Amino acid sequence: MDRRHIPFGAHYGTYVSWRNMKKRCYTKSEISYPRYGGAGITVCEQWQTYQGFLADMGERPEGFSLDRINGLGNYEPGNCRWATRSEQNKNRRQPIPIRNALGQLVGSHAVIQQALG
């Protein structure tokens, strides 16, 4: 991203986190959209603007990224934090394996849930 396009006075890393959050939820061509917006994850009304997001979250600390505490919940105050990679790895949604009557793996709950819409 070209730094000339961020709002005056915005912290670059914080702005990029905000922008990427919105892209995951609302840009259908975004590679991660199916796991976020396509799965019903949204951004709260206040965080539709960078200023509203910044007022709640503050500046992103160096080495941290945006994390949803409840991975099935929306991007909103009370469900988001700045977390290290290690903290985020401990907070990942794990796919639930789906097996047929013969015990063969046929997919995962997350993949099948997305296919069913």
Protein backbone atom coordinates (compact mmCIF):
# COMPACT_ATOMS: atom_id res chain seq x y z
CA MET A 1 0.00 0.00 0.00
CA ASP A 2 1.23 3.45 -0.88
CA ARG A 3 1.62 5.55 2.27
CA ARG A 4 0.27 8.58 0.39
CA HIS A 5 -3.23 7.08 0.59
CA ILE A 6 -3.56 6.78 4.36
CA PRO A 7 -5.31 9.52 6.35
CA PHE A 8 -3.13 12.35 7.63
CA GLY A 9 -1.63 11.42 10.99
CA ALA A 10 -2.59 7.74 10.75
CA HIS A 11 -0.14 5.17 12.05
CA TYR A 12 0.69 3.06 8.99
CA GLY A 13 0.52 -0.37 10.69
CA THR A 14 -2.75 0.41 12.47
CA TYR A 15 -4.30 1.70 9.25
CA VAL A 16 -3.22 -1.37 7.29
CA SER A 17 -4.76 -3.65 9.96
CA TRP A 18 -8.04 -1.71 9.73
CA ARG A 19 -8.05 -1.74 5.94
CA ASN A 20 -7.28 -5.47 5.76
CA MET A 21 -10.02 -6.26 8.31
CA LYS A 22 -12.56 -4.50 6.09
CA LYS A 23 -11.25 -6.19 2.93
CA ARG A 24 -11.59 -9.66 4.51
CA CYS A 25 -15.22 -8.92 5.38
CA TYR A 26 -16.48 -6.95 2.37
CA THR A 27 -14.32 -7.53 -0.71
CA LYS A 28 -15.55 -10.69 -2.44
CA SER A 29 -12.42 -10.89 -4.61
CA GLU A 30 -10.19 -10.97 -1.49
CA ILE A 31 -8.66 -14.44 -1.06
CA SER A 32 -9.68 -14.66 2.59
CA TYR A 33 -13.25 -13.39 2.03
CA PRO A 34 -14.84 -16.89 2.18
CA ARG A 35 -13.53 -17.39 5.74
CA TYR A 36 -14.64 -13.94 6.91
CA GLY A 37 -17.34 -12.00 5.04
CA GLY A 38 -18.49 -15.14 3.24
CA ALA A 39 -18.88 -16.85 6.62
CA GLY A 40 -20.95 -13.96 8.00
CA ILE A 41 -18.18 -12.10 9.87
CA THR A 42 -18.83 -8.34 9.82
CA VAL A 43 -17.28 -5.12 11.11
CA CYS A 44 -19.30 -3.11 13.65
CA GLU A 45 -20.75 0.20 12.57
CA GLN A 46 -18.30 2.30 14.61
CA TRP A 47 -15.32 0.60 12.98
CA GLN A 48 -16.48 1.37 9.46
CA THR A 49 -14.30 4.49 9.82
CA TYR A 50 -10.63 4.41 10.66
CA GLN A 51 -11.17 7.05 13.34
CA GLY A 52 -13.77 4.89 15.12
CA PHE A 53 -11.50 1.85 14.99
CA LEU A 54 -8.53 3.83 16.29
CA ALA A 55 -10.59 5.31 19.15
CA ASP A 56 -11.42 1.80 20.43
CA MET A 57 -8.27 -0.15 19.61
CA GLY A 58 -5.51 2.46 19.85
CA GLU A 59 -2.31 2.20 17.84
CA ARG A 60 -1.11 -1.26 16.88
CA PRO A 61 1.95 -2.18 18.97
CA GLU A 62 5.05 -3.24 17.04
CA GLY A 63 5.01 -7.00 16.39
CA PHE A 64 1.26 -7.36 17.01
CA SER A 65 -1.72 -7.83 14.72
CA LEU A 66 -5.50 -7.68 14.98
CA ASP A 67 -7.08 -10.77 16.56
CA ARG A 68 -10.70 -11.72 17.23
CA ILE A 69 -10.96 -13.32 20.66
CA ASN A 70 -13.97 -15.37 19.57
CA GLY A 71 -13.03 -16.55 16.08
CA LEU A 72 -16.70 -16.97 15.19
CA GLY A 73 -17.55 -13.43 16.33
CA ASN A 74 -17.50 -10.13 14.50
CA TYR A 75 -14.92 -7.39 14.49
CA GLU A 76 -16.19 -5.22 17.35
CA PRO A 77 -15.11 -3.80 20.72
CA GLY A 78 -14.84 -6.54 23.30
CA ASN A 79 -14.04 -9.21 20.71
CA CYS A 80 -10.79 -7.80 19.33
CA ARG A 81 -7.30 -7.24 20.67
CA TRP A 82 -3.77 -6.64 19.48
CA ALA A 83 -2.05 -10.02 19.74
CA THR A 84 1.32 -11.57 19.00
CA ARG A 85 1.62 -14.37 16.42
CA SER A 86 1.97 -16.86 19.29
CA GLU A 87 -1.26 -15.64 20.91
CA GLN A 88 -3.08 -15.81 17.60
CA ASN A 89 -1.86 -19.34 16.92
CA LYS A 90 -3.40 -20.46 20.22
CA ASN A 91 -6.70 -18.81 19.24
CA ARG A 92 -7.28 -20.42 15.82
CA ARG A 93 -10.47 -22.13 14.74
CA GLN A 94 -9.70 -25.78 14.15
CA PRO A 95 -11.59 -27.59 11.39
CA ILE A 96 -13.74 -30.47 12.60
CA PRO A 97 -13.10 -33.57 10.49
CA ILE A 98 -16.15 -35.11 8.83
CA ARG A 99 -15.96 -38.83 8.05
CA ASN A 100 -18.30 -41.07 6.12
CA ALA A 101 -19.71 -44.37 7.42
CA LEU A 102 -16.45 -46.12 6.45
CA GLY A 103 -14.40 -43.68 8.52
CA GLN A 104 -12.92 -41.97 5.46
CA LEU A 105 -12.27 -38.26 5.71
CA VAL A 106 -14.69 -36.42 3.41
CA GLY A 107 -14.06 -32.83 4.50
CA SER A 108 -14.24 -30.54 7.45
CA HIS A 109 -17.11 -28.81 9.20
CA ALA A 110 -15.78 -25.42 8.10
CA VAL A 111 -15.52 -26.42 4.42
CA ILE A 112 -18.92 -28.15 4.35
CA GLN A 113 -20.56 -25.27 6.23
CA GLN A 114 -19.24 -22.81 3.62
CA ALA A 115 -20.46 -25.02 0.76
CA LEU A 116 -23.96 -25.17 2.24
CA GLY A 117 -23.99 -21.39 2.68
